[in-house]
Amino acid sequence: MVPIIRLLLQYGKEEVSIKKEAEEKDKEVEEITVSVGKYLVSAIKADDLGFISAVYQMIFDEYHRLLTLGEQPGENDFISHEMDQIRITAVDLLSSRYELSENWEKRRIIVNTEENKLSVLVDSSLLSFKIKKIESRIAEIQQTLKDTPDTEDMDILLMEMRNLKNISRKFNKDLSRIITH
C-alpha cells in the first residue's frame, strides 16, 4: 500500500477520473474528474479519519488548510516548509530509491508506472487506509468487550463490531482480497 500522504504530496495536483453515483435518476454512475489531493482530503474528512503519525496528521492538516484557502498544494510547499518534521518527512516520502532507465523506452518496452495507474492506486490506497482504521476500531471494541460486564453495552459493541466487519469485508472484496473471519 502506498502511503496516502505520499500520494497527496507527489500526485496531489494530478487529475483522476472517479465514478460517483449520479444525481439524475436515469443514470446509475457518472464519471467526474478531480485532483488527487481534493479527492483524498474530501474522502478522509467525510469519514472523519485521522493519522496515527503526528507528522502525517500535520501534513494532512496543512494540505487541507491550503486547499480551503483555494490553493493547490504541491511538493514544494512541504519540502520547503518551515517546520523541520514536515520538511524531513516530505523529503523522505518523495525520495525514490529507484529510477527508471531510459533504455526501457529506447527498446520500446512499456513499464507500468504509478502515473499510468494513478486512479487505481489512489482508490486502493484509500480503501487500504480505511480498512486499517476499521481493523483498529474492531481491536478497540474487542478489548472493551473483555472489560465490559454490562450485557446491554456488550450488545451495542457487538453490533458495531459486526457492522465494521461487514464494511471491512466489502472493502476487501473491492480490493480482491479474501478475508476469513
N, C-alpha and C. Protein backbone atom coordinates (compact mmCIF):
# COMPACT_ATOMS: atom_id res chain seq x y z
N MET A 1 0.84 -1.17 0.00
CA MET A 1 0.00 0.00 0.00
C MET A 1 0.89 1.25 0.00
N VAL A 2 0.53 2.18 -0.82
CA VAL A 2 1.25 3.45 -0.90
C VAL A 2 0.67 4.38 0.17
N PRO A 3 1.53 4.99 0.97
CA PRO A 3 1.00 5.90 1.99
C PRO A 3 0.18 7.03 1.38
N ILE A 4 -0.96 7.30 1.97
CA ILE A 4 -1.85 8.36 1.50
C ILE A 4 -1.11 9.70 1.43
N ILE A 5 -0.30 9.96 2.44
CA ILE A 5 0.42 11.24 2.49
C ILE A 5 1.36 11.38 1.30
N ARG A 6 2.02 10.29 0.91
CA ARG A 6 2.91 10.37 -0.26
C ARG A 6 2.11 10.66 -1.52
N LEU A 7 0.94 10.04 -1.65
CA LEU A 7 0.09 10.32 -2.81
C LEU A 7 -0.33 11.80 -2.83
N LEU A 8 -0.67 12.34 -1.66
CA LEU A 8 -1.03 13.76 -1.60
C LEU A 8 0.11 14.64 -2.06
N LEU A 9 1.30 14.36 -1.53
CA LEU A 9 2.45 15.20 -1.84
C LEU A 9 2.90 15.06 -3.29
N GLN A 10 2.97 13.83 -3.76
CA GLN A 10 3.55 13.58 -5.09
C GLN A 10 2.55 13.79 -6.22
N TYR A 11 1.30 13.41 -6.00
CA TYR A 11 0.33 13.45 -7.09
C TYR A 11 -0.89 14.33 -6.80
N GLY A 12 -0.83 15.13 -5.76
CA GLY A 12 -1.98 15.93 -5.34
C GLY A 12 -2.58 16.80 -6.43
N LYS A 13 -1.76 17.30 -7.33
CA LYS A 13 -2.25 18.18 -8.39
C LYS A 13 -2.74 17.41 -9.62
N GLU A 14 -2.40 16.13 -9.70
CA GLU A 14 -2.79 15.32 -10.86
C GLU A 14 -4.31 15.09 -10.85
N GLU A 15 -4.86 15.00 -12.03
CA GLU A 15 -6.30 14.76 -12.17
C GLU A 15 -6.57 13.27 -12.35
N VAL A 16 -7.62 12.77 -11.69
CA VAL A 16 -8.06 11.39 -11.87
C VAL A 16 -9.56 11.39 -12.12
N SER A 17 -10.02 10.37 -12.82
CA SER A 17 -11.45 10.20 -13.03
C SER A 17 -11.97 9.23 -11.99
N ILE A 18 -13.04 9.63 -11.32
CA ILE A 18 -13.64 8.75 -10.33
C ILE A 18 -15.10 8.55 -10.68
N LYS A 19 -15.61 7.42 -10.28
CA LYS A 19 -17.02 7.10 -10.52
C LYS A 19 -17.81 7.51 -9.29
N LYS A 20 -18.92 8.20 -9.55
CA LYS A 20 -19.75 8.73 -8.48
C LYS A 20 -21.20 8.40 -8.81
N GLU A 21 -21.99 8.13 -7.77
CA GLU A 21 -23.41 7.88 -8.00
C GLU A 21 -24.02 9.13 -8.60
N ALA A 22 -24.75 8.92 -9.67
CA ALA A 22 -25.33 10.05 -10.39
C ALA A 22 -26.48 10.66 -9.60
N GLU A 23 -26.60 11.98 -9.71
CA GLU A 23 -27.70 12.67 -9.05
C GLU A 23 -28.99 12.53 -9.86
N GLU A 24 -28.84 12.32 -11.15
CA GLU A 24 -30.01 12.13 -12.01
C GLU A 24 -30.46 10.69 -11.92
N LYS A 25 -31.76 10.47 -11.94
CA LYS A 25 -32.30 9.12 -11.75
C LYS A 25 -32.05 8.20 -12.93
N ASP A 26 -31.95 8.74 -14.15
CA ASP A 26 -31.77 7.89 -15.32
C ASP A 26 -30.35 7.36 -15.46
N LYS A 27 -29.41 7.95 -14.76
CA LYS A 27 -28.03 7.49 -14.79
C LYS A 27 -27.69 6.81 -13.47
N GLU A 28 -26.98 5.68 -13.54
CA GLU A 28 -26.57 5.00 -12.31
C GLU A 28 -25.26 5.57 -11.77
N VAL A 29 -24.28 5.73 -12.66
CA VAL A 29 -22.96 6.20 -12.25
C VAL A 29 -22.48 7.24 -13.26
N GLU A 30 -21.85 8.28 -12.73
CA GLU A 30 -21.24 9.25 -13.63
C GLU A 30 -19.78 9.39 -13.26
N GLU A 31 -18.99 9.74 -14.25
CA GLU A 31 -17.56 9.89 -14.03
C GLU A 31 -17.23 11.37 -13.94
N ILE A 32 -16.47 11.72 -12.89
CA ILE A 32 -16.05 13.11 -12.73
C ILE A 32 -14.53 13.14 -12.63
N THR A 33 -13.96 14.28 -12.98
CA THR A 33 -12.52 14.45 -12.90
C THR A 33 -12.22 15.40 -11.74
N VAL A 34 -11.29 14.98 -10.89
CA VAL A 34 -10.94 15.75 -9.71
C VAL A 34 -9.46 15.54 -9.42
N SER A 35 -8.88 16.50 -8.73
CA SER A 35 -7.46 16.33 -8.37
C SER A 35 -7.34 15.26 -7.29
N VAL A 36 -6.21 14.58 -7.29
CA VAL A 36 -5.95 13.53 -6.31
C VAL A 36 -6.04 14.12 -4.90
N GLY A 37 -5.47 15.30 -4.71
CA GLY A 37 -5.47 15.94 -3.41
C GLY A 37 -6.87 16.21 -2.89
N LYS A 38 -7.71 16.83 -3.71
CA LYS A 38 -9.08 17.13 -3.29
C LYS A 38 -9.86 15.86 -3.01
N TYR A 39 -9.67 14.85 -3.85
CA TYR A 39 -10.39 13.59 -3.67
C TYR A 39 -10.01 12.92 -2.36
N LEU A 40 -8.70 12.79 -2.09
CA LEU A 40 -8.27 12.13 -0.86
C LEU A 40 -8.67 12.90 0.38
N VAL A 41 -8.48 14.21 0.36
CA VAL A 41 -8.83 15.02 1.53
C VAL A 41 -10.33 14.94 1.80
N SER A 42 -11.14 15.06 0.77
CA SER A 42 -12.59 15.01 1.00
C SER A 42 -13.04 13.63 1.48
N ALA A 43 -12.43 12.57 0.95
CA ALA A 43 -12.81 11.22 1.37
C ALA A 43 -12.41 10.96 2.82
N ILE A 44 -11.25 11.42 3.22
CA ILE A 44 -10.78 11.20 4.59
C ILE A 44 -11.57 12.08 5.57
N LYS A 45 -11.83 13.31 5.18
CA LYS A 45 -12.62 14.22 6.03
C LYS A 45 -14.06 13.74 6.16
N ALA A 46 -14.63 13.22 5.07
CA ALA A 46 -16.02 12.76 5.09
C ALA A 46 -16.21 11.62 6.10
N ASP A 47 -15.20 10.78 6.23
CA ASP A 47 -15.29 9.66 7.18
C ASP A 47 -14.68 10.00 8.53
N ASP A 48 -14.25 11.26 8.70
CA ASP A 48 -13.68 11.74 9.96
C ASP A 48 -12.53 10.85 10.43
N LEU A 49 -11.61 10.57 9.50
CA LEU A 49 -10.46 9.72 9.80
C LEU A 49 -9.24 10.58 10.09
N GLY A 50 -8.28 9.99 10.77
CA GLY A 50 -7.05 10.69 11.07
C GLY A 50 -5.88 9.75 10.94
N PHE A 51 -4.70 10.28 11.19
CA PHE A 51 -3.47 9.51 11.07
C PHE A 51 -2.89 9.24 12.44
N ILE A 52 -2.30 8.08 12.60
CA ILE A 52 -1.63 7.73 13.86
C ILE A 52 -0.38 8.58 14.03
N SER A 53 0.36 8.72 12.95
CA SER A 53 1.59 9.52 12.97
C SER A 53 1.24 11.00 13.09
N ALA A 54 1.79 11.65 14.11
CA ALA A 54 1.54 13.08 14.32
C ALA A 54 2.03 13.91 13.13
N VAL A 55 3.16 13.52 12.56
CA VAL A 55 3.72 14.27 11.42
C VAL A 55 2.81 14.12 10.20
N TYR A 56 2.33 12.90 9.94
CA TYR A 56 1.41 12.70 8.83
C TYR A 56 0.14 13.53 9.03
N GLN A 57 -0.33 13.58 10.26
CA GLN A 57 -1.53 14.36 10.55
C GLN A 57 -1.27 15.85 10.32
N MET A 58 -0.10 16.32 10.70
CA MET A 58 0.26 17.74 10.46
C MET A 58 0.31 18.04 8.96
N ILE A 59 0.89 17.12 8.21
CA ILE A 59 0.96 17.32 6.75
C ILE A 59 -0.44 17.33 6.16
N PHE A 60 -1.26 16.39 6.59
CA PHE A 60 -2.63 16.32 6.09
C PHE A 60 -3.40 17.60 6.43
N ASP A 61 -3.29 18.05 7.68
CA ASP A 61 -3.99 19.26 8.11
C ASP A 61 -3.52 20.48 7.33
N GLU A 62 -2.23 20.57 7.08
CA GLU A 62 -1.67 21.69 6.30
C GLU A 62 -2.17 21.62 4.85
N TYR A 63 -2.21 20.42 4.30
CA TYR A 63 -2.72 20.24 2.93
C TYR A 63 -4.18 20.70 2.86
N HIS A 64 -4.97 20.26 3.83
CA HIS A 64 -6.38 20.63 3.89
C HIS A 64 -6.53 22.15 4.05
N ARG A 65 -5.72 22.76 4.90
CA ARG A 65 -5.76 24.20 5.11
C ARG A 65 -5.48 24.95 3.80
N LEU A 66 -4.46 24.51 3.07
CA LEU A 66 -4.13 25.17 1.81
C LEU A 66 -5.25 25.01 0.78
N LEU A 67 -5.87 23.84 0.76
CA LEU A 67 -7.00 23.63 -0.16
C LEU A 67 -8.16 24.56 0.17
N THR A 68 -8.46 24.71 1.47
CA THR A 68 -9.58 25.57 1.85
C THR A 68 -9.29 27.05 1.56
N LEU A 69 -8.00 27.41 1.47
CA LEU A 69 -7.64 28.77 1.09
C LEU A 69 -7.69 28.96 -0.43
N GLY A 70 -8.03 27.90 -1.16
CA GLY A 70 -8.14 27.98 -2.60
C GLY A 70 -6.83 27.71 -3.33
N GLU A 71 -5.83 27.30 -2.60
CA GLU A 71 -4.53 26.98 -3.21
C GLU A 71 -4.50 25.51 -3.60
N GLN A 72 -3.61 25.19 -4.52
CA GLN A 72 -3.38 23.79 -4.89
C GLN A 72 -2.01 23.41 -4.38
N PRO A 73 -1.94 22.77 -3.19
CA PRO A 73 -0.64 22.45 -2.59
C PRO A 73 0.19 21.53 -3.49
N GLY A 74 1.49 21.73 -3.43
CA GLY A 74 2.41 20.91 -4.20
C GLY A 74 3.57 20.46 -3.33
N GLU A 75 4.45 19.69 -3.94
CA GLU A 75 5.62 19.16 -3.24
C GLU A 75 6.42 20.27 -2.55
N ASN A 76 6.63 21.37 -3.26
CA ASN A 76 7.48 22.45 -2.74
C ASN A 76 6.93 23.09 -1.47
N ASP A 77 5.60 23.07 -1.31
CA ASP A 77 5.01 23.62 -0.09
C ASP A 77 5.46 22.84 1.15
N PHE A 78 5.84 21.60 0.95
CA PHE A 78 6.18 20.74 2.08
C PHE A 78 7.68 20.48 2.21
N ILE A 79 8.38 20.39 1.08
CA ILE A 79 9.83 20.17 1.19
C ILE A 79 10.57 21.44 1.56
N SER A 80 9.88 22.58 1.48
CA SER A 80 10.48 23.83 1.94
C SER A 80 9.66 24.43 3.09
N HIS A 81 8.95 23.58 3.80
CA HIS A 81 8.10 24.01 4.91
C HIS A 81 8.95 24.52 6.07
N GLU A 82 8.40 25.41 6.85
CA GLU A 82 9.14 25.99 7.98
C GLU A 82 9.38 25.00 9.12
N MET A 83 8.52 24.00 9.26
CA MET A 83 8.70 23.01 10.33
C MET A 83 9.61 21.87 9.86
N ASP A 84 10.64 21.61 10.64
CA ASP A 84 11.62 20.57 10.28
C ASP A 84 10.97 19.21 10.09
N GLN A 85 10.08 18.82 10.99
CA GLN A 85 9.46 17.49 10.91
C GLN A 85 8.72 17.31 9.59
N ILE A 86 7.97 18.32 9.19
CA ILE A 86 7.21 18.23 7.94
C ILE A 86 8.17 18.18 6.76
N ARG A 87 9.17 19.03 6.78
CA ARG A 87 10.15 19.08 5.67
C ARG A 87 10.88 17.75 5.53
N ILE A 88 11.37 17.20 6.62
CA ILE A 88 12.13 15.93 6.58
C ILE A 88 11.24 14.78 6.12
N THR A 89 10.03 14.72 6.64
CA THR A 89 9.10 13.64 6.26
C THR A 89 8.73 13.74 4.79
N ALA A 90 8.47 14.95 4.32
CA ALA A 90 8.12 15.15 2.91
C ALA A 90 9.26 14.70 2.00
N VAL A 91 10.49 15.07 2.34
CA VAL A 91 11.64 14.67 1.53
C VAL A 91 11.78 13.14 1.55
N ASP A 92 11.62 12.52 2.72
CA ASP A 92 11.71 11.06 2.81
C ASP A 92 10.65 10.37 1.95
N LEU A 93 9.43 10.88 2.00
CA LEU A 93 8.34 10.27 1.24
C LEU A 93 8.49 10.46 -0.27
N LEU A 94 9.04 11.57 -0.65
CA LEU A 94 9.15 11.89 -2.08
C LEU A 94 10.42 11.37 -2.73
N SER A 95 11.38 10.97 -1.92
CA SER A 95 12.63 10.44 -2.47
C SER A 95 12.42 9.01 -2.95
N SER A 96 12.83 8.77 -4.16
CA SER A 96 12.71 7.43 -4.72
C SER A 96 14.08 6.75 -4.73
N ARG A 97 14.08 5.50 -4.32
CA ARG A 97 15.34 4.75 -4.34
C ARG A 97 15.69 4.28 -5.73
N TYR A 98 14.70 4.25 -6.60
CA TYR A 98 14.91 3.69 -7.93
C TYR A 98 14.56 4.71 -8.99
N GLU A 99 15.24 4.60 -10.11
CA GLU A 99 14.95 5.45 -11.24
C GLU A 99 14.85 4.57 -12.48
N LEU A 100 13.84 4.81 -13.26
CA LEU A 100 13.61 4.01 -14.46
C LEU A 100 14.61 4.41 -15.54
N SER A 101 15.32 3.43 -16.05
CA SER A 101 16.32 3.68 -17.08
C SER A 101 15.63 4.07 -18.40
N GLU A 102 16.26 4.99 -19.11
CA GLU A 102 15.70 5.38 -20.40
C GLU A 102 15.88 4.29 -21.45
N ASN A 103 16.70 3.28 -21.16
CA ASN A 103 16.88 2.17 -22.09
C ASN A 103 15.59 1.39 -22.32
N TRP A 104 14.72 1.35 -21.30
CA TRP A 104 13.45 0.66 -21.48
C TRP A 104 12.64 1.32 -22.59
N GLU A 105 12.61 2.65 -22.57
CA GLU A 105 11.85 3.39 -23.56
C GLU A 105 12.50 3.26 -24.94
N LYS A 106 13.84 3.29 -24.99
CA LYS A 106 14.55 3.16 -26.26
C LYS A 106 14.24 1.82 -26.92
N ARG A 107 14.11 0.79 -26.11
CA ARG A 107 13.82 -0.54 -26.64
C ARG A 107 12.33 -0.81 -26.78
N ARG A 108 11.54 0.24 -26.56
CA ARG A 108 10.07 0.18 -26.70
C ARG A 108 9.45 -0.85 -25.76
N ILE A 109 9.99 -0.91 -24.56
CA ILE A 109 9.43 -1.78 -23.54
C ILE A 109 8.60 -0.90 -22.62
N ILE A 110 7.34 -1.23 -22.51
CA ILE A 110 6.43 -0.43 -21.69
C ILE A 110 6.48 -0.91 -20.25
N VAL A 111 6.76 0.01 -19.37
CA VAL A 111 6.83 -0.29 -17.95
C VAL A 111 5.64 0.38 -17.28
N ASN A 112 4.91 -0.37 -16.49
CA ASN A 112 3.75 0.16 -15.79
C ASN A 112 4.20 0.98 -14.58
N THR A 113 4.04 2.28 -14.65
CA THR A 113 4.46 3.17 -13.57
C THR A 113 3.26 3.61 -12.74
N GLU A 114 3.54 4.23 -11.61
CA GLU A 114 2.45 4.73 -10.77
C GLU A 114 1.58 5.72 -11.53
N GLU A 115 2.19 6.56 -12.33
CA GLU A 115 1.44 7.56 -13.07
C GLU A 115 0.44 6.91 -14.03
N ASN A 116 0.81 5.76 -14.60
CA ASN A 116 -0.06 5.08 -15.55
C ASN A 116 -1.31 4.49 -14.89
N LYS A 117 -1.20 4.17 -13.63
CA LYS A 117 -2.32 3.53 -12.92
C LYS A 117 -2.73 4.34 -11.69
N LEU A 118 -2.63 5.65 -11.80
CA LEU A 118 -2.85 6.53 -10.65
C LEU A 118 -4.26 6.40 -10.07
N SER A 119 -5.26 6.32 -10.91
CA SER A 119 -6.64 6.22 -10.42
C SER A 119 -6.83 4.98 -9.57
N VAL A 120 -6.33 3.84 -10.04
CA VAL A 120 -6.43 2.59 -9.30
C VAL A 120 -5.61 2.66 -8.02
N LEU A 121 -4.43 3.23 -8.12
CA LEU A 121 -3.54 3.37 -6.97
C LEU A 121 -4.17 4.22 -5.86
N VAL A 122 -4.79 5.31 -6.25
CA VAL A 122 -5.45 6.19 -5.28
C VAL A 122 -6.59 5.46 -4.59
N ASP A 123 -7.45 4.82 -5.37
CA ASP A 123 -8.59 4.10 -4.79
C ASP A 123 -8.14 2.96 -3.88
N SER A 124 -7.17 2.18 -4.31
CA SER A 124 -6.74 1.05 -3.50
C SER A 124 -6.03 1.51 -2.23
N SER A 125 -5.26 2.58 -2.31
CA SER A 125 -4.60 3.11 -1.11
C SER A 125 -5.61 3.68 -0.12
N LEU A 126 -6.62 4.34 -0.63
CA LEU A 126 -7.67 4.89 0.23
C LEU A 126 -8.45 3.78 0.92
N LEU A 127 -8.80 2.74 0.17
CA LEU A 127 -9.51 1.61 0.77
C LEU A 127 -8.65 0.90 1.80
N SER A 128 -7.38 0.71 1.49
CA SER A 128 -6.48 0.06 2.44
C SER A 128 -6.35 0.88 3.72
N PHE A 129 -6.28 2.20 3.58
CA PHE A 129 -6.22 3.09 4.73
C PHE A 129 -7.48 2.94 5.59
N LYS A 130 -8.63 2.92 4.93
CA LYS A 130 -9.89 2.78 5.66
C LYS A 130 -9.99 1.41 6.34
N ILE A 131 -9.52 0.37 5.68
CA ILE A 131 -9.54 -0.97 6.27
C ILE A 131 -8.69 -1.00 7.53
N LYS A 132 -7.53 -0.38 7.49
CA LYS A 132 -6.66 -0.34 8.69
C LYS A 132 -7.36 0.39 9.84
N LYS A 133 -8.05 1.47 9.53
CA LYS A 133 -8.79 2.20 10.55
C LYS A 133 -9.92 1.34 11.13
N ILE A 134 -10.61 0.61 10.27
CA ILE A 134 -11.69 -0.27 10.72
C ILE A 134 -11.13 -1.38 11.61
N GLU A 135 -10.03 -2.00 11.17
CA GLU A 135 -9.43 -3.07 11.96
C GLU A 135 -8.96 -2.57 13.32
N SER A 136 -8.46 -1.35 13.35
CA SER A 136 -8.04 -0.75 14.62
C SER A 136 -9.23 -0.55 15.54
N ARG A 137 -10.34 -0.08 14.99
CA ARG A 137 -11.55 0.12 15.79
C ARG A 137 -12.10 -1.22 16.28
N ILE A 138 -12.06 -2.25 15.45
CA ILE A 138 -12.51 -3.59 15.86
C ILE A 138 -11.66 -4.09 17.02
N ALA A 139 -10.36 -3.88 16.96
CA ALA A 139 -9.47 -4.31 18.05
C ALA A 139 -9.81 -3.56 19.35
N GLU A 140 -10.12 -2.26 19.23
CA GLU A 140 -10.52 -1.49 20.41
C GLU A 140 -11.81 -2.06 21.01
N ILE A 141 -12.76 -2.39 20.15
CA ILE A 141 -14.04 -2.94 20.63
C ILE A 141 -13.81 -4.29 21.33
N GLN A 142 -12.97 -5.12 20.73
CA GLN A 142 -12.69 -6.42 21.34
C GLN A 142 -12.07 -6.25 22.73
N GLN A 143 -11.18 -5.28 22.87
CA GLN A 143 -10.57 -5.02 24.17
C GLN A 143 -11.62 -4.52 25.16
N THR A 144 -12.50 -3.64 24.71
CA THR A 144 -13.55 -3.11 25.57
C THR A 144 -14.52 -4.21 26.00
N LEU A 145 -14.79 -5.13 25.08
CA LEU A 145 -15.70 -6.24 25.40
C LEU A 145 -15.17 -7.10 26.55
N LYS A 146 -13.86 -7.24 26.62
CA LYS A 146 -13.26 -8.04 27.69
C LYS A 146 -13.51 -7.40 29.06
N ASP A 147 -13.60 -6.08 29.08
CA ASP A 147 -13.73 -5.35 30.34
C ASP A 147 -15.15 -4.89 30.64
N THR A 148 -16.12 -5.24 29.79
CA THR A 148 -17.49 -4.77 29.96
C THR A 148 -18.37 -5.85 30.59
N PRO A 149 -18.85 -5.59 31.81
CA PRO A 149 -19.72 -6.57 32.46
C PRO A 149 -21.19 -6.43 32.04
N ASP A 150 -21.58 -5.25 31.57
CA ASP A 150 -22.97 -4.97 31.23
C ASP A 150 -23.35 -5.59 29.88
N THR A 151 -24.37 -6.44 29.87
CA THR A 151 -24.77 -7.13 28.64
C THR A 151 -25.37 -6.18 27.61
N GLU A 152 -26.02 -5.11 28.09
CA GLU A 152 -26.58 -4.15 27.15
C GLU A 152 -25.48 -3.43 26.38
N ASP A 153 -24.43 -3.03 27.08
CA ASP A 153 -23.28 -2.41 26.43
C ASP A 153 -22.59 -3.39 25.48
N MET A 154 -22.52 -4.64 25.92
CA MET A 154 -21.90 -5.67 25.07
C MET A 154 -22.66 -5.82 23.76
N ASP A 155 -23.99 -5.80 23.83
CA ASP A 155 -24.80 -5.93 22.62
C ASP A 155 -24.55 -4.79 21.65
N ILE A 156 -24.44 -3.59 22.18
CA ILE A 156 -24.18 -2.42 21.34
C ILE A 156 -22.80 -2.53 20.68
N LEU A 157 -21.81 -2.93 21.47
CA LEU A 157 -20.45 -3.09 20.94
C LEU A 157 -20.38 -4.20 19.89
N LEU A 158 -21.08 -5.31 20.17
CA LEU A 158 -21.09 -6.43 19.22
C LEU A 158 -21.76 -6.03 17.90
N MET A 159 -22.80 -5.22 17.99
CA MET A 159 -23.48 -4.77 16.77
C MET A 159 -22.56 -3.84 15.97
N GLU A 160 -21.86 -2.95 16.66
CA GLU A 160 -20.92 -2.07 15.98
C GLU A 160 -19.80 -2.87 15.32
N MET A 161 -19.31 -3.88 16.05
CA MET A 161 -18.24 -4.70 15.51
C MET A 161 -18.71 -5.48 14.28
N ARG A 162 -19.93 -6.00 14.31
CA ARG A 162 -20.47 -6.73 13.17
C ARG A 162 -20.60 -5.80 11.96
N ASN A 163 -21.07 -4.58 12.18
CA ASN A 163 -21.19 -3.61 11.08
C ASN A 163 -19.82 -3.27 10.49
N LEU A 164 -18.85 -3.07 11.36
CA LEU A 164 -17.50 -2.77 10.89
C LEU A 164 -16.90 -3.93 10.11
N LYS A 165 -17.15 -5.15 10.56
CA LYS A 165 -16.64 -6.32 9.83
C LYS A 165 -17.28 -6.43 8.46
N ASN A 166 -18.57 -6.10 8.37
CA ASN A 166 -19.25 -6.12 7.07
C ASN A 166 -18.65 -5.08 6.12
N ILE A 167 -18.38 -3.90 6.64
CA ILE A 167 -17.76 -2.86 5.82
C ILE A 167 -16.36 -3.30 5.39
N SER A 168 -15.62 -3.88 6.33
CA SER A 168 -14.27 -4.36 6.03
C SER A 168 -14.30 -5.43 4.94
N ARG A 169 -15.26 -6.35 5.04
CA ARG A 169 -15.38 -7.39 4.00
C ARG A 169 -15.66 -6.78 2.63
N LYS A 170 -16.55 -5.77 2.60
CA LYS A 170 -16.88 -5.13 1.33
C LYS A 170 -15.64 -4.45 0.74
N PHE A 171 -14.92 -3.69 1.57
CA PHE A 171 -13.71 -3.02 1.09
C PHE A 171 -12.67 -4.03 0.62
N ASN A 172 -12.48 -5.11 1.37
CA ASN A 172 -11.52 -6.13 0.97
C ASN A 172 -11.95 -6.81 -0.33
N LYS A 173 -13.24 -7.00 -0.50
CA LYS A 173 -13.74 -7.58 -1.75
C LYS A 173 -13.45 -6.63 -2.91
N ASP A 174 -13.64 -5.33 -2.68
CA ASP A 174 -13.34 -4.33 -3.71
C ASP A 174 -11.86 -4.36 -4.10
N LEU A 175 -11.00 -4.74 -3.14
CA LEU A 175 -9.57 -4.85 -3.40
C LEU A 175 -9.17 -6.26 -3.86
N SER A 176 -10.15 -7.11 -4.04
CA SER A 176 -9.93 -8.51 -4.45
C SER A 176 -9.11 -9.28 -3.42
N ARG A 177 -9.34 -8.97 -2.16
CA ARG A 177 -8.68 -9.69 -1.06
C ARG A 177 -9.68 -10.67 -0.49
N ILE A 178 -9.19 -11.83 -0.11
CA ILE A 178 -10.04 -12.83 0.52
C ILE A 178 -9.74 -12.80 2.01
N ILE A 179 -10.77 -12.51 2.79
CA ILE A 179 -10.61 -12.41 4.23
C ILE A 179 -11.55 -13.42 4.87
N THR A 180 -11.02 -14.18 5.81
CA THR A 180 -11.85 -15.12 6.57
C THR A 180 -11.83 -14.71 8.02
N HIS A 181 -13.01 -14.40 8.55
CA HIS A 181 -13.12 -14.06 9.97
C HIS A 181 -14.01 -15.09 10.59
